[in-house]
Amino acid sequence: MGRIKTTFIKRKTKELFKMYGDQFTTDFSANKEVVGKTVIVQCKKLRNIIAGYMTRLKKKEQ
């Protein structure tokens, strides 16, 4: 079982997906860099959670 994502994480990730969806891939490391460049996050953990959820959404999309 995985961790449950909060509404904040889901909302921000879906906003990023609409705005920068073509820049994200199914690779977590690449998504980490894109999230770091496009969003101002206060900590690395939050950036990683958003990048991980984005990776999951991109895999689901394919």
C-alpha atoms as a PDB file:
ATOM      1  CA  MET A   1       0.000   0.000   0.000  1.00  0.00           C
ATOM      2  CA  GLY A   2       1.113   3.502  -0.741  1.00  0.00           C
ATOM      3  CA  ARG A   3       0.718   6.746   1.102  1.00  0.00           C
ATOM      4  CA  ILE A   4      -2.457   8.777   0.699  1.00  0.00           C
ATOM      5  CA  LYS A   5      -1.933  12.153  -0.988  1.00  0.00           C
ATOM      6  CA  THR A   6      -3.584  15.235   0.510  1.00  0.00           C
ATOM      7  CA  THR A   7      -6.000  17.435  -1.404  1.00  0.00           C
ATOM      8  CA  PHE A   8      -3.350  20.162  -1.604  1.00  0.00           C
ATOM      9  CA  ILE A   9      -0.881  17.830  -3.351  1.00  0.00           C
ATOM     10  CA  LYS A  10      -3.500  16.556  -5.778  1.00  0.00           C
ATOM     11  CA  ARG A  11      -4.753  20.049  -6.614  1.00  0.00           C
ATOM     12  CA  LYS A  12      -1.293  21.521  -7.217  1.00  0.00           C
ATOM     13  CA  THR A  13      -0.194  18.530  -9.277  1.00  0.00           C
ATOM     14  CA  LYS A  14      -3.263  18.707 -11.493  1.00  0.00           C
ATOM     15  CA  GLU A  15      -2.714  22.449 -11.998  1.00  0.00           C
ATOM     16  CA  LEU A  16       0.879  21.755 -13.056  1.00  0.00           C
ATOM     17  CA  PHE A  17      -0.339  18.969 -15.326  1.00  0.00           C
ATOM     18  CA  LYS A  18      -2.661  21.397 -17.135  1.00  0.00           C
ATOM     19  CA  MET A  19      -0.028  24.123 -17.450  1.00  0.00           C
ATOM     20  CA  TYR A  20       3.180  22.146 -18.085  1.00  0.00           C
ATOM     21  CA  GLY A  21       1.911  18.665 -18.936  1.00  0.00           C
ATOM     22  CA  ASP A  22       4.124  18.280 -21.995  1.00  0.00           C
ATOM     23  CA  GLN A  23       7.322  18.883 -19.968  1.00  0.00           C
ATOM     24  CA  PHE A  24       6.689  15.993 -17.543  1.00  0.00           C
ATOM     25  CA  THR A  25       7.615  12.380 -18.271  1.00  0.00           C
ATOM     26  CA  THR A  26       7.310   9.004 -16.574  1.00  0.00           C
ATOM     27  CA  ASP A  27      10.809   9.473 -15.099  1.00  0.00           C
ATOM     28  CA  PHE A  28      10.773  10.631 -11.458  1.00  0.00           C
ATOM     29  CA  SER A  29      14.211  12.288 -11.589  1.00  0.00           C
ATOM     30  CA  ALA A  30      13.295  14.383 -14.616  1.00  0.00           C
ATOM     31  CA  ASN A  31       9.992  15.373 -13.007  1.00  0.00           C
ATOM     32  CA  LYS A  32      11.828  16.474  -9.853  1.00  0.00           C
ATOM     33  CA  GLU A  33      13.863  18.948 -11.877  1.00  0.00           C
ATOM     34  CA  VAL A  34      10.821  20.288 -13.730  1.00  0.00           C
ATOM     35  CA  VAL A  35       8.887  20.780 -10.477  1.00  0.00           C
ATOM     36  CA  GLY A  36      11.892  22.557  -8.977  1.00  0.00           C
ATOM     37  CA  LYS A  37      12.015  24.961 -11.925  1.00  0.00           C
ATOM     38  CA  THR A  38       8.283  25.639 -12.308  1.00  0.00           C
ATOM     39  CA  VAL A  39       7.095  25.829  -8.687  1.00  0.00           C
ATOM     40  CA  ILE A  40       8.517  27.508  -5.618  1.00  0.00           C
ATOM     41  CA  VAL A  41       8.386  24.813  -2.939  1.00  0.00           C
ATOM     42  CA  GLN A  42       9.510  25.259   0.625  1.00  0.00           C
ATOM     43  CA  CYS A  43      11.099  21.868   1.128  1.00  0.00           C
ATOM     44  CA  LYS A  44      12.500  18.964  -0.868  1.00  0.00           C
ATOM     45  CA  LYS A  45       9.972  16.528   0.569  1.00  0.00           C
ATOM     46  CA  LEU A  46       7.058  18.489  -0.879  1.00  0.00           C
ATOM     47  CA  ARG A  47       8.804  18.729  -4.250  1.00  0.00           C
ATOM     48  CA  ASN A  48       9.399  14.977  -4.251  1.00  0.00           C
ATOM     49  CA  ILE A  49       5.794  14.173  -3.360  1.00  0.00           C
ATOM     50  CA  ILE A  50       4.510  16.377  -6.196  1.00  0.00           C
ATOM     51  CA  ALA A  51       7.015  14.861  -8.644  1.00  0.00           C
ATOM     52  CA  GLY A  52       6.063  11.336  -7.574  1.00  0.00           C
ATOM     53  CA  TYR A  53       2.364  11.972  -8.012  1.00  0.00           C
ATOM     54  CA  MET A  54       3.024  13.561 -11.400  1.00  0.00           C
ATOM     55  CA  THR A  55       4.985  10.467 -12.449  1.00  0.00           C
ATOM     56  CA  ARG A  56       2.043   8.325 -11.422  1.00  0.00           C
ATOM     57  CA  LEU A  57      -0.390  10.474 -13.426  1.00  0.00           C
ATOM     58  CA  LYS A  58       1.807  10.336 -16.545  1.00  0.00           C
ATOM     59  CA  LYS A  59       2.085   6.545 -16.309  1.00  0.00           C
ATOM     60  CA  LYS A  60      -1.672   6.314 -15.910  1.00  0.00           C
ATOM     61  CA  GLU A  61      -2.157   8.549 -18.950  1.00  0.00           C
ATOM     62  CA  GLN A  62      -0.219   6.189 -21.217  1.00  0.00           C
END
